[in-house]
Amino acid sequence: RGKSFAALDMACCVALGKPWHGIPTKQAPVLFLAGEGRAAMVRRACAWSIVYEDLSKAPLHLSAGAVALNEPDALAVMQAEIDAMPEPPGLLIVDTLQRGLAGDENGATDMNAFVSALDTLRSRYRCTCLVVHHPAKAAPGEPRGHSSLKGAIDTMMTLDAREGGIIALANPKQRGAEPARPLGFQFRTVELPPAWNDADGKPT
């Protein structure tokens, strides 16, 4: 569905203060908790910079791995690392909830602790928290896991694959405002510079 691609696209735009597909952004550092493959995210960021704008000096920070935010010790370590950054993030992305939560996403205790950790981060750093998550199999338009998650969400966006390779982004829940208009996307293949070639010399 392209969830991580869309999140990284937003991250790059915010880090540069560049409009996101016609929607204005407020420039801010971004911390991307890449729980599902940092190497892939680095390649995608490189491709993004080829198509749009150089990211070499952008305050876009990719973590080395996942952080279990509902574990107090892990959260404290991450806060200490954020405090050591030149400037705290204005946007914090968790990719994905499953990788950023220790325990059972269907249980109230673990999910409430995860939501509480996000509230702590939002309050401490005055940042927006974006969580990449999977839909429920039984209800594709709903987030998977305990219902306390949806109750805490201000903005919910969904991505659905359509015919012709179109990926449609919708905004089914928007607290305190009208939902945003739907957007349509398509994947684009970008060849990376020769330094990214594989062991056989084939381009990435």
N, C-alpha and C. Protein backbone atom coordinates (compact mmCIF):
# COMPACT_ATOMS: atom_id res chain seq x y z
N ARG A 1 0.82 -1.22 0.00
CA ARG A 1 0.00 0.00 0.00
C ARG A 1 0.85 1.26 0.00
N GLY A 2 2.11 1.14 0.34
CA GLY A 2 2.98 2.31 0.30
C GLY A 2 2.98 3.16 1.56
N LYS A 3 2.63 2.57 2.70
CA LYS A 3 2.54 3.36 3.93
C LYS A 3 3.89 4.00 4.30
N SER A 4 4.93 3.20 4.28
CA SER A 4 6.25 3.73 4.66
C SER A 4 6.75 4.74 3.64
N PHE A 5 6.43 4.52 2.35
CA PHE A 5 6.83 5.47 1.32
C PHE A 5 6.15 6.82 1.55
N ALA A 6 4.86 6.80 1.87
CA ALA A 6 4.13 8.04 2.10
C ALA A 6 4.67 8.77 3.33
N ALA A 7 4.98 8.00 4.37
CA ALA A 7 5.50 8.61 5.60
C ALA A 7 6.86 9.25 5.35
N LEU A 8 7.72 8.56 4.60
CA LEU A 8 9.04 9.12 4.30
C LEU A 8 8.92 10.35 3.41
N ASP A 9 7.99 10.32 2.48
CA ASP A 9 7.74 11.47 1.61
C ASP A 9 7.36 12.69 2.46
N MET A 10 6.46 12.50 3.42
CA MET A 10 6.09 13.58 4.34
C MET A 10 7.31 14.05 5.13
N ALA A 11 8.09 13.09 5.63
CA ALA A 11 9.26 13.42 6.45
C ALA A 11 10.23 14.30 5.69
N CYS A 12 10.50 13.95 4.43
CA CYS A 12 11.43 14.73 3.62
C CYS A 12 10.92 16.15 3.40
N CYS A 13 9.63 16.27 3.12
CA CYS A 13 9.04 17.59 2.87
C CYS A 13 9.09 18.46 4.12
N VAL A 14 8.78 17.88 5.28
CA VAL A 14 8.80 18.66 6.52
C VAL A 14 10.24 19.07 6.86
N ALA A 15 11.18 18.16 6.69
CA ALA A 15 12.58 18.46 7.02
C ALA A 15 13.10 19.63 6.18
N LEU A 16 12.60 19.75 4.95
CA LEU A 16 13.03 20.83 4.06
C LEU A 16 12.11 22.04 4.09
N GLY A 17 10.92 21.88 4.70
CA GLY A 17 9.93 22.96 4.66
C GLY A 17 9.30 23.07 3.29
N LYS A 18 9.29 21.97 2.56
CA LYS A 18 8.77 21.94 1.19
C LYS A 18 7.30 21.51 1.21
N PRO A 19 6.42 22.12 0.42
CA PRO A 19 5.02 21.68 0.40
C PRO A 19 4.91 20.20 0.06
N TRP A 20 3.99 19.54 0.73
CA TRP A 20 3.76 18.11 0.48
C TRP A 20 2.59 18.00 -0.50
N HIS A 21 2.92 17.83 -1.77
CA HIS A 21 1.92 17.70 -2.84
C HIS A 21 0.87 18.81 -2.77
N GLY A 22 1.38 20.03 -2.69
CA GLY A 22 0.51 21.20 -2.69
C GLY A 22 0.03 21.65 -1.33
N ILE A 23 0.33 20.87 -0.29
CA ILE A 23 -0.10 21.21 1.07
C ILE A 23 1.08 21.83 1.82
N PRO A 24 0.95 23.05 2.34
CA PRO A 24 2.07 23.70 3.03
C PRO A 24 2.53 22.90 4.25
N THR A 25 3.82 22.96 4.52
CA THR A 25 4.37 22.34 5.72
C THR A 25 5.11 23.40 6.53
N LYS A 26 5.31 23.10 7.80
CA LYS A 26 6.14 23.94 8.66
C LYS A 26 7.48 23.24 8.83
N GLN A 27 8.56 23.88 8.40
CA GLN A 27 9.87 23.24 8.44
C GLN A 27 10.25 22.89 9.87
N ALA A 28 10.75 21.67 10.07
CA ALA A 28 11.15 21.21 11.39
C ALA A 28 12.01 19.97 11.24
N PRO A 29 12.88 19.70 12.23
CA PRO A 29 13.61 18.43 12.22
C PRO A 29 12.63 17.26 12.31
N VAL A 30 13.02 16.15 11.71
CA VAL A 30 12.19 14.95 11.72
C VAL A 30 12.99 13.78 12.27
N LEU A 31 12.39 13.03 13.17
CA LEU A 31 12.97 11.79 13.68
C LEU A 31 12.12 10.64 13.19
N PHE A 32 12.71 9.76 12.40
CA PHE A 32 12.00 8.64 11.79
C PHE A 32 12.49 7.36 12.46
N LEU A 33 11.62 6.75 13.28
CA LEU A 33 11.95 5.49 13.93
C LEU A 33 11.70 4.36 12.94
N ALA A 34 12.76 3.97 12.25
CA ALA A 34 12.66 3.00 11.16
C ALA A 34 12.74 1.58 11.71
N GLY A 35 11.59 1.07 12.13
CA GLY A 35 11.56 -0.26 12.73
C GLY A 35 11.55 -1.39 11.74
N GLU A 36 11.30 -1.09 10.47
CA GLU A 36 11.18 -2.15 9.47
C GLU A 36 12.16 -1.93 8.31
N GLY A 37 13.44 -1.85 8.62
CA GLY A 37 14.44 -1.79 7.58
C GLY A 37 15.03 -0.42 7.33
N ARG A 38 16.06 -0.06 8.10
CA ARG A 38 16.70 1.25 7.93
C ARG A 38 17.38 1.35 6.57
N ALA A 39 18.02 0.26 6.13
CA ALA A 39 18.75 0.30 4.86
C ALA A 39 17.82 0.65 3.70
N ALA A 40 16.62 0.07 3.72
CA ALA A 40 15.64 0.38 2.66
C ALA A 40 15.24 1.84 2.71
N MET A 41 15.09 2.38 3.92
CA MET A 41 14.71 3.79 4.05
C MET A 41 15.80 4.72 3.53
N VAL A 42 17.06 4.35 3.76
CA VAL A 42 18.17 5.16 3.27
C VAL A 42 18.15 5.17 1.74
N ARG A 43 17.91 4.01 1.12
CA ARG A 43 17.83 3.95 -0.34
C ARG A 43 16.67 4.81 -0.87
N ARG A 44 15.53 4.72 -0.19
CA ARG A 44 14.36 5.49 -0.63
C ARG A 44 14.61 6.99 -0.48
N ALA A 45 15.28 7.38 0.61
CA ALA A 45 15.60 8.80 0.81
C ALA A 45 16.55 9.29 -0.27
N CYS A 46 17.49 8.44 -0.67
CA CYS A 46 18.42 8.79 -1.74
C CYS A 46 17.64 9.00 -3.05
N ALA A 47 16.71 8.09 -3.34
CA ALA A 47 15.88 8.20 -4.55
C ALA A 47 15.04 9.47 -4.50
N TRP A 48 14.48 9.76 -3.33
CA TRP A 48 13.66 10.97 -3.17
C TRP A 48 14.49 12.21 -3.48
N SER A 49 15.73 12.24 -3.00
CA SER A 49 16.57 13.43 -3.20
C SER A 49 16.94 13.60 -4.67
N ILE A 50 17.01 12.50 -5.42
CA ILE A 50 17.30 12.58 -6.85
C ILE A 50 16.12 13.22 -7.59
N VAL A 51 14.91 12.83 -7.20
CA VAL A 51 13.71 13.31 -7.90
C VAL A 51 13.33 14.73 -7.47
N TYR A 52 13.46 15.03 -6.17
CA TYR A 52 12.92 16.29 -5.66
C TYR A 52 13.99 17.31 -5.25
N GLU A 53 14.69 17.05 -4.17
CA GLU A 53 15.63 18.05 -3.64
C GLU A 53 16.65 17.35 -2.75
N ASP A 54 17.86 17.88 -2.75
CA ASP A 54 18.96 17.29 -1.99
C ASP A 54 18.64 17.28 -0.49
N LEU A 55 18.86 16.14 0.15
CA LEU A 55 18.58 15.98 1.57
C LEU A 55 19.84 15.99 2.44
N SER A 56 21.00 16.21 1.83
CA SER A 56 22.25 16.03 2.57
C SER A 56 22.36 16.94 3.79
N LYS A 57 21.74 18.10 3.75
CA LYS A 57 21.81 19.01 4.90
C LYS A 57 20.47 19.14 5.63
N ALA A 58 19.52 18.33 5.25
CA ALA A 58 18.19 18.39 5.89
C ALA A 58 18.23 17.72 7.27
N PRO A 59 17.53 18.26 8.25
CA PRO A 59 17.49 17.65 9.58
C PRO A 59 16.53 16.46 9.63
N LEU A 60 16.88 15.44 8.85
CA LEU A 60 16.09 14.20 8.79
C LEU A 60 16.92 13.10 9.42
N HIS A 61 16.43 12.57 10.54
CA HIS A 61 17.19 11.60 11.33
C HIS A 61 16.50 10.24 11.29
N LEU A 62 17.22 9.21 10.84
CA LEU A 62 16.70 7.85 10.81
C LEU A 62 17.32 7.06 11.96
N SER A 63 16.48 6.39 12.74
CA SER A 63 16.99 5.58 13.84
C SER A 63 17.67 4.32 13.30
N ALA A 64 18.50 3.72 14.14
CA ALA A 64 19.16 2.47 13.75
C ALA A 64 18.22 1.28 13.82
N GLY A 65 17.10 1.44 14.49
CA GLY A 65 16.14 0.34 14.61
C GLY A 65 14.90 0.79 15.36
N ALA A 66 14.10 -0.20 15.75
CA ALA A 66 12.83 0.09 16.43
C ALA A 66 13.07 0.47 17.89
N VAL A 67 12.11 1.18 18.46
CA VAL A 67 12.12 1.53 19.89
C VAL A 67 10.77 1.13 20.47
N ALA A 68 10.79 0.29 21.50
CA ALA A 68 9.55 -0.13 22.16
C ALA A 68 9.10 1.00 23.08
N LEU A 69 8.26 1.88 22.57
CA LEU A 69 7.92 3.11 23.29
C LEU A 69 7.15 2.84 24.58
N ASN A 70 6.45 1.70 24.67
CA ASN A 70 5.68 1.43 25.88
C ASN A 70 6.53 0.82 26.99
N GLU A 71 7.83 0.68 26.76
CA GLU A 71 8.74 0.24 27.81
C GLU A 71 9.45 1.47 28.39
N PRO A 72 9.23 1.78 29.67
CA PRO A 72 9.77 3.01 30.26
C PRO A 72 11.26 3.20 30.06
N ASP A 73 12.05 2.13 30.20
CA ASP A 73 13.50 2.26 30.05
C ASP A 73 13.87 2.66 28.62
N ALA A 74 13.23 2.00 27.64
CA ALA A 74 13.52 2.31 26.24
C ALA A 74 13.10 3.74 25.91
N LEU A 75 11.96 4.16 26.44
CA LEU A 75 11.49 5.52 26.21
C LEU A 75 12.45 6.54 26.82
N ALA A 76 12.97 6.24 28.01
CA ALA A 76 13.90 7.15 28.68
C ALA A 76 15.20 7.29 27.89
N VAL A 77 15.70 6.18 27.35
CA VAL A 77 16.92 6.22 26.54
C VAL A 77 16.70 7.07 25.30
N MET A 78 15.55 6.88 24.65
CA MET A 78 15.27 7.65 23.44
C MET A 78 15.14 9.14 23.76
N GLN A 79 14.50 9.48 24.87
CA GLN A 79 14.37 10.88 25.25
C GLN A 79 15.74 11.50 25.51
N ALA A 80 16.64 10.74 26.12
CA ALA A 80 17.99 11.25 26.36
C ALA A 80 18.71 11.52 25.05
N GLU A 81 18.51 10.65 24.06
CA GLU A 81 19.15 10.85 22.76
C GLU A 81 18.54 12.05 22.03
N ILE A 82 17.22 12.23 22.17
CA ILE A 82 16.59 13.40 21.55
C ILE A 82 17.08 14.67 22.22
N ASP A 83 17.22 14.64 23.54
CA ASP A 83 17.70 15.82 24.27
C ASP A 83 19.10 16.22 23.82
N ALA A 84 19.87 15.26 23.33
CA ALA A 84 21.24 15.54 22.89
C ALA A 84 21.30 16.04 21.45
N MET A 85 20.16 16.02 20.74
CA MET A 85 20.13 16.51 19.36
C MET A 85 20.26 18.03 19.34
N PRO A 86 20.79 18.61 18.26
CA PRO A 86 20.90 20.07 18.17
C PRO A 86 19.56 20.76 18.33
N GLU A 87 18.50 20.13 17.83
CA GLU A 87 17.15 20.68 17.92
C GLU A 87 16.18 19.51 17.98
N PRO A 88 15.19 19.54 18.87
CA PRO A 88 14.26 18.41 18.97
C PRO A 88 13.38 18.30 17.73
N PRO A 89 12.84 17.13 17.47
CA PRO A 89 12.02 16.96 16.28
C PRO A 89 10.68 17.68 16.39
N GLY A 90 10.23 18.20 15.25
CA GLY A 90 8.87 18.73 15.17
C GLY A 90 7.92 17.67 14.67
N LEU A 91 8.49 16.63 14.05
CA LEU A 91 7.71 15.49 13.57
C LEU A 91 8.45 14.22 13.96
N LEU A 92 7.75 13.32 14.64
CA LEU A 92 8.30 12.02 15.03
C LEU A 92 7.45 10.94 14.39
N ILE A 93 8.09 10.07 13.60
CA ILE A 93 7.37 9.02 12.87
C ILE A 93 7.75 7.66 13.44
N VAL A 94 6.75 6.86 13.75
CA VAL A 94 6.95 5.50 14.25
C VAL A 94 6.54 4.54 13.15
N ASP A 95 7.49 3.80 12.61
CA ASP A 95 7.23 2.88 11.50
C ASP A 95 7.75 1.48 11.87
N THR A 96 6.89 0.64 12.33
CA THR A 96 5.43 0.69 12.44
C THR A 96 5.03 0.55 13.90
N LEU A 97 3.73 0.66 14.18
CA LEU A 97 3.26 0.47 15.55
C LEU A 97 3.67 -0.90 16.07
N GLN A 98 3.54 -1.91 15.25
CA GLN A 98 3.88 -3.26 15.67
C GLN A 98 5.33 -3.37 16.15
N ARG A 99 6.22 -2.63 15.49
CA ARG A 99 7.63 -2.66 15.87
C ARG A 99 7.94 -1.70 17.01
N GLY A 100 7.06 -0.75 17.25
CA GLY A 100 7.29 0.24 18.29
C GLY A 100 6.55 -0.05 19.58
N LEU A 101 5.92 -1.22 19.65
CA LEU A 101 5.17 -1.61 20.84
C LEU A 101 5.60 -2.99 21.28
N ALA A 102 5.97 -3.13 22.54
CA ALA A 102 6.33 -4.42 23.10
C ALA A 102 5.09 -5.02 23.77
N GLY A 103 4.74 -6.24 23.37
CA GLY A 103 3.57 -6.87 23.97
C GLY A 103 2.47 -7.10 22.96
N ASP A 104 1.23 -6.94 23.43
CA ASP A 104 0.05 -7.29 22.63
C ASP A 104 -0.69 -6.03 22.20
N GLU A 105 -0.71 -5.76 20.89
CA GLU A 105 -1.40 -4.56 20.40
C GLU A 105 -2.91 -4.66 20.59
N ASN A 106 -3.42 -5.86 20.84
CA ASN A 106 -4.85 -6.04 21.09
C ASN A 106 -5.22 -5.85 22.57
N GLY A 107 -4.22 -5.75 23.41
CA GLY A 107 -4.48 -5.60 24.84
C GLY A 107 -4.55 -4.14 25.25
N ALA A 108 -5.47 -3.83 26.15
CA ALA A 108 -5.64 -2.44 26.58
C ALA A 108 -4.41 -1.91 27.30
N THR A 109 -3.77 -2.74 28.12
CA THR A 109 -2.63 -2.28 28.92
C THR A 109 -1.48 -1.82 28.03
N ASP A 110 -1.09 -2.67 27.07
CA ASP A 110 0.05 -2.34 26.22
C ASP A 110 -0.27 -1.18 25.28
N MET A 111 -1.48 -1.18 24.70
CA MET A 111 -1.82 -0.10 23.78
C MET A 111 -1.94 1.23 24.51
N ASN A 112 -2.54 1.23 25.69
CA ASN A 112 -2.65 2.47 26.46
C ASN A 112 -1.27 3.01 26.84
N ALA A 113 -0.34 2.10 27.14
CA ALA A 113 1.02 2.53 27.48
C ALA A 113 1.72 3.13 26.26
N PHE A 114 1.45 2.56 25.09
CA PHE A 114 2.02 3.10 23.84
C PHE A 114 1.47 4.50 23.57
N VAL A 115 0.16 4.66 23.69
CA VAL A 115 -0.47 5.97 23.46
C VAL A 115 0.04 6.98 24.49
N SER A 116 0.20 6.55 25.73
CA SER A 116 0.71 7.43 26.78
C SER A 116 2.13 7.90 26.47
N ALA A 117 2.94 7.00 25.91
CA ALA A 117 4.31 7.36 25.55
C ALA A 117 4.31 8.43 24.46
N LEU A 118 3.41 8.28 23.47
CA LEU A 118 3.31 9.29 22.42
C LEU A 118 2.87 10.64 23.00
N ASP A 119 1.93 10.60 23.94
CA ASP A 119 1.49 11.84 24.59
C ASP A 119 2.64 12.51 25.33
N THR A 120 3.48 11.69 25.97
CA THR A 120 4.65 12.22 26.68
C THR A 120 5.60 12.91 25.71
N LEU A 121 5.85 12.28 24.57
CA LEU A 121 6.75 12.84 23.57
C LEU A 121 6.17 14.12 22.97
N ARG A 122 4.88 14.10 22.68
CA ARG A 122 4.23 15.30 22.12
C ARG A 122 4.34 16.47 23.08
N SER A 123 4.11 16.20 24.35
CA SER A 123 4.14 17.26 25.35
C SER A 123 5.56 17.78 25.58
N ARG A 124 6.50 16.86 25.65
CA ARG A 124 7.89 17.24 25.97
C ARG A 124 8.55 18.02 24.84
N TYR A 125 8.28 17.61 23.59
CA TYR A 125 8.97 18.21 22.45
C TYR A 125 8.06 19.06 21.56
N ARG A 126 6.79 19.14 21.92
CA ARG A 126 5.80 19.89 21.13
C ARG A 126 5.83 19.45 19.66
N CYS A 127 5.86 18.15 19.47
CA CYS A 127 5.98 17.59 18.13
C CYS A 127 4.69 16.87 17.73
N THR A 128 4.57 16.65 16.44
CA THR A 128 3.50 15.81 15.90
C THR A 128 4.02 14.38 15.83
N CYS A 129 3.21 13.43 16.25
CA CYS A 129 3.58 12.02 16.18
C CYS A 129 2.74 11.34 15.09
N LEU A 130 3.43 10.74 14.14
CA LEU A 130 2.77 10.00 13.06
C LEU A 130 3.13 8.53 13.22
N VAL A 131 2.11 7.68 13.33
CA VAL A 131 2.33 6.25 13.53
C VAL A 131 1.86 5.49 12.29
N VAL A 132 2.77 4.74 11.68
CA VAL A 132 2.43 3.90 10.54
C VAL A 132 1.89 2.58 11.10
N HIS A 133 0.70 2.19 10.65
CA HIS A 133 0.06 1.02 11.24
C HIS A 133 -0.69 0.25 10.16
N HIS A 134 -1.03 -0.99 10.48
CA HIS A 134 -1.73 -1.86 9.54
C HIS A 134 -3.23 -1.84 9.81
N PRO A 135 -4.03 -2.02 8.76
CA PRO A 135 -5.48 -2.07 8.96
C PRO A 135 -5.91 -3.43 9.50
N ALA A 136 -7.08 -3.44 10.12
CA ALA A 136 -7.64 -4.69 10.61
C ALA A 136 -8.12 -5.53 9.42
N LYS A 137 -7.87 -6.83 9.46
CA LYS A 137 -8.28 -7.70 8.35
C LYS A 137 -9.80 -7.77 8.25
N ALA A 138 -10.46 -7.79 9.39
CA ALA A 138 -11.92 -7.90 9.38
C ALA A 138 -12.59 -6.59 9.00
N ALA A 139 -11.91 -5.47 9.24
CA ALA A 139 -12.46 -4.15 8.92
C ALA A 139 -11.34 -3.31 8.32
N PRO A 140 -11.11 -3.41 6.99
CA PRO A 140 -9.97 -2.77 6.34
C PRO A 140 -9.83 -1.27 6.58
N GLY A 141 -10.92 -0.58 6.86
CA GLY A 141 -10.83 0.86 7.09
C GLY A 141 -10.51 1.24 8.52
N GLU A 142 -10.35 0.24 9.39
CA GLU A 142 -10.09 0.49 10.81
C GLU A 142 -8.67 0.06 11.18
N PRO A 143 -8.05 0.73 12.15
CA PRO A 143 -6.70 0.32 12.57
C PRO A 143 -6.75 -0.98 13.35
N ARG A 144 -5.72 -1.79 13.18
CA ARG A 144 -5.63 -3.05 13.90
C ARG A 144 -5.32 -2.79 15.37
N GLY A 145 -5.76 -3.69 16.23
CA GLY A 145 -5.41 -3.58 17.64
C GLY A 145 -6.52 -3.02 18.50
N HIS A 146 -6.17 -2.72 19.75
CA HIS A 146 -7.15 -2.27 20.73
C HIS A 146 -7.78 -0.93 20.33
N SER A 147 -9.06 -0.78 20.65
CA SER A 147 -9.83 0.40 20.24
C SER A 147 -9.33 1.71 20.87
N SER A 148 -8.53 1.62 21.94
CA SER A 148 -8.03 2.85 22.56
C SER A 148 -7.13 3.64 21.62
N LEU A 149 -6.54 2.95 20.63
CA LEU A 149 -5.70 3.65 19.67
C LEU A 149 -6.54 4.62 18.84
N LYS A 150 -7.63 4.14 18.25
CA LYS A 150 -8.44 5.01 17.41
C LYS A 150 -9.02 6.17 18.20
N GLY A 151 -9.36 5.92 19.45
CA GLY A 151 -9.90 6.99 20.27
C GLY A 151 -8.91 8.11 20.50
N ALA A 152 -7.61 7.79 20.42
CA ALA A 152 -6.57 8.80 20.68
C ALA A 152 -6.13 9.53 19.42
N ILE A 153 -6.56 9.05 18.26
CA ILE A 153 -6.09 9.60 16.99
C ILE A 153 -6.78 10.92 16.67
N ASP A 154 -6.00 11.93 16.29
CA ASP A 154 -6.57 13.19 15.80
C ASP A 154 -6.83 13.12 14.30
N THR A 155 -5.88 12.56 13.58
CA THR A 155 -5.98 12.44 12.12
C THR A 155 -5.68 11.01 11.72
N MET A 156 -6.57 10.39 10.97
CA MET A 156 -6.31 9.05 10.47
C MET A 156 -6.36 9.07 8.95
N MET A 157 -5.31 8.53 8.34
CA MET A 157 -5.25 8.43 6.89
C MET A 157 -5.11 6.96 6.50
N THR A 158 -5.75 6.60 5.40
CA THR A 158 -5.68 5.23 4.91
C THR A 158 -5.17 5.23 3.47
N LEU A 159 -4.45 4.18 3.11
CA LEU A 159 -3.95 4.00 1.76
C LEU A 159 -4.54 2.72 1.19
N ASP A 160 -5.09 2.82 0.00
CA ASP A 160 -5.71 1.66 -0.65
C ASP A 160 -5.23 1.55 -2.08
N ALA A 161 -4.88 0.32 -2.48
CA ALA A 161 -4.46 0.07 -3.86
C ALA A 161 -5.67 0.02 -4.77
N ARG A 162 -5.59 0.72 -5.89
CA ARG A 162 -6.67 0.75 -6.88
C ARG A 162 -6.17 0.23 -8.22
N GLU A 163 -7.08 0.12 -9.17
CA GLU A 163 -6.70 -0.36 -10.50
C GLU A 163 -5.73 0.61 -11.17
N GLY A 164 -4.90 0.04 -12.04
CA GLY A 164 -3.96 0.87 -12.78
C GLY A 164 -2.76 1.32 -11.97
N GLY A 165 -2.50 0.67 -10.84
CA GLY A 165 -1.35 1.03 -10.02
C GLY A 165 -1.53 2.28 -9.19
N ILE A 166 -2.77 2.76 -9.07
CA ILE A 166 -3.05 3.96 -8.27
C ILE A 166 -3.16 3.58 -6.80
N ILE A 167 -2.57 4.39 -5.94
CA ILE A 167 -2.72 4.24 -4.49
C ILE A 167 -3.46 5.47 -3.99
N ALA A 168 -4.64 5.23 -3.41
CA ALA A 168 -5.50 6.34 -2.97
C ALA A 168 -5.31 6.58 -1.48
N LEU A 169 -5.07 7.84 -1.12
CA LEU A 169 -4.95 8.23 0.29
C LEU A 169 -6.22 8.98 0.68
N ALA A 170 -6.87 8.50 1.73
CA ALA A 170 -8.10 9.13 2.22
C ALA A 170 -7.91 9.53 3.68
N ASN A 171 -8.80 10.39 4.17
CA ASN A 171 -8.73 10.92 5.53
C ASN A 171 -10.07 10.67 6.22
N PRO A 172 -10.33 9.41 6.64
CA PRO A 172 -11.64 9.07 7.19
C PRO A 172 -11.94 9.65 8.57
N LYS A 173 -10.90 10.04 9.31
CA LYS A 173 -11.14 10.65 10.63
C LYS A 173 -10.29 11.89 10.78
N GLN A 174 -10.94 13.00 11.15
CA GLN A 174 -10.23 14.26 11.39
C GLN A 174 -10.90 14.96 12.55
N ARG A 175 -10.22 15.01 13.68
CA ARG A 175 -10.81 15.63 14.87
C ARG A 175 -10.84 17.15 14.73
N GLY A 176 -12.03 17.72 14.89
CA GLY A 176 -12.16 19.17 14.95
C GLY A 176 -12.07 19.89 13.63
N ALA A 177 -12.16 19.18 12.52
CA ALA A 177 -12.07 19.85 11.21
C ALA A 177 -12.67 18.94 10.15
N GLU A 178 -12.84 19.49 8.95
CA GLU A 178 -13.33 18.69 7.84
C GLU A 178 -12.20 17.78 7.32
N PRO A 179 -12.54 16.56 6.90
CA PRO A 179 -11.50 15.68 6.33
C PRO A 179 -10.86 16.31 5.10
N ALA A 180 -9.60 15.98 4.89
CA ALA A 180 -8.88 16.48 3.72
C ALA A 180 -9.35 15.77 2.46
N ARG A 181 -9.12 16.41 1.32
CA ARG A 181 -9.50 15.80 0.05
C ARG A 181 -8.61 14.58 -0.21
N PRO A 182 -9.13 13.56 -0.89
CA PRO A 182 -8.33 12.39 -1.22
C PRO A 182 -7.20 12.75 -2.19
N LEU A 183 -6.13 11.98 -2.13
CA LEU A 183 -5.00 12.15 -3.04
C LEU A 183 -4.68 10.82 -3.70
N GLY A 184 -4.17 10.87 -4.92
CA GLY A 184 -3.79 9.66 -5.63
C GLY A 184 -2.29 9.65 -5.92
N PHE A 185 -1.67 8.47 -5.75
CA PHE A 185 -0.23 8.34 -5.96
C PHE A 185 0.06 7.14 -6.84
N GLN A 186 1.28 7.12 -7.39
CA GLN A 186 1.80 5.95 -8.08
C GLN A 186 3.27 5.79 -7.72
N PHE A 187 3.72 4.54 -7.70
CA PHE A 187 5.14 4.30 -7.47
C PHE A 187 5.95 4.71 -8.70
N ARG A 188 7.16 5.15 -8.45
CA ARG A 188 8.07 5.53 -9.52
C ARG A 188 9.42 4.87 -9.25
N THR A 189 10.01 4.26 -10.26
CA THR A 189 11.31 3.63 -10.11
C THR A 189 12.40 4.66 -10.38
N VAL A 190 13.38 4.72 -9.49
CA VAL A 190 14.49 5.66 -9.61
C VAL A 190 15.79 4.86 -9.53
N GLU A 191 16.67 5.05 -10.50
CA GLU A 191 17.97 4.38 -10.47
C GLU A 191 18.94 5.19 -9.62
N LEU A 192 19.55 4.53 -8.62
CA LEU A 192 20.47 5.21 -7.73
C LEU A 192 21.85 5.33 -8.38
N PRO A 193 22.71 6.23 -7.88
CA PRO A 193 24.05 6.42 -8.45
C PRO A 193 24.86 5.12 -8.42
N PRO A 194 25.93 5.04 -9.22
CA PRO A 194 26.73 3.81 -9.30
C PRO A 194 27.25 3.30 -7.96
N ALA A 195 27.45 4.19 -7.00
CA ALA A 195 27.95 3.75 -5.69
C ALA A 195 27.00 2.77 -5.02
N TRP A 196 25.73 2.74 -5.46
CA TRP A 196 24.73 1.84 -4.89
C TRP A 196 24.62 0.52 -5.65
N ASN A 197 25.41 0.33 -6.72
CA ASN A 197 25.35 -0.90 -7.47
C ASN A 197 25.63 -2.11 -6.60
N ASP A 198 25.03 -3.25 -6.95
CA ASP A 198 25.24 -4.46 -6.15
C ASP A 198 26.61 -5.07 -6.47
N ALA A 199 26.89 -6.23 -5.86
CA ALA A 199 28.21 -6.86 -6.00
C ALA A 199 28.52 -7.22 -7.45
N ASP A 200 27.48 -7.44 -8.26
CA ASP A 200 27.67 -7.78 -9.67
C ASP A 200 27.68 -6.55 -10.57
N GLY A 201 27.60 -5.37 -9.97
CA GLY A 201 27.62 -4.16 -10.76
C GLY A 201 26.28 -3.72 -11.30
N LYS A 202 25.22 -4.43 -10.90
CA LYS A 202 23.89 -4.08 -11.39
C LYS A 202 23.35 -2.90 -10.59
N PRO A 203 22.66 -1.99 -11.26
CA PRO A 203 22.16 -0.80 -10.55
C PRO A 203 21.02 -1.13 -9.58
N THR A 204 20.91 -0.31 -8.54
CA THR A 204 19.83 -0.41 -7.58
C THR A 204 18.73 0.55 -7.99
